[in-house]
Amino acid sequence: MIGELYADSLTGAETDIEYEDGRRRPLHATRWLEPIDGDEVMLSRCSGPTLDVGSGPGRLTVALARRGVVALGIDVTPHAVRLTRLAGGMALCRDVFGPVPGAGRWTTALLADGNIGIGGDPPALLRRMRELVRPGGEVIAELAPPGAPTRAERVRLRRGTVTGPWFRWADVSVSDVSRLAHDTGFTVTTCDEASGRWFACLRRTHRA
């Protein structure tokens, strides 16, 4: 049901993210179909093979392919993967915690649009990302603004009276990313703000 509601939201169906305490906010998934101001901060750092984790309809994967950068999007929603392929990008229906092609050899991996929250456990996700990028490789993560809370919550998608199952999602503030990176085998090399969005570049260190 998560995938179905998300797929519907990509067609413009009004879908909310509902929090366990009753809060709701619109998903606005159609914004991921086109370039977004600030994307260039991520795209400009991708000079080698790049893995786009939680790639959705693939705007970043496709943009990289058009620049001649080898890029692969992975997403758990088949419809999003189809949209990426139709737009000219390479994409597979994969869970980041499952088998991923090229594990340990990617130069760069993207966690755009808050995808550092996948699974609701940022340390576990970054440890997995460390397995996917090569030594010295980079993870570029889009984060919440400085001072925003770093937290994990249970959420679900809702369209009218139809709801999906609860799942865990996390937000990570740029204020907390240095500690998180250190604890998971990365070092923060840059933190940038563009068009109201915040990005951190995490380089894989040689220590385990």
Foldseek 3Di string as FASTA:
>chain_A
DQLVLLLVVCVVFFKWKAFPVGDIDTPNNVVLVEDDFPCCVVLVVQPEEEEEEQCFLNHSQLVNVVVVYHYEYEHQHPSSQVNNVVSPGHYDDDDLPDDDPQFQDGQEYECPPQNCFVQQDNLVSLLSVLRRHHAFHKYKYWADEPPDDWGKGWIWMDRPPDIDDIGITTGDYPNCVQVSLVVRQWHWDDWDDTPRIIMTMTTGHPDD
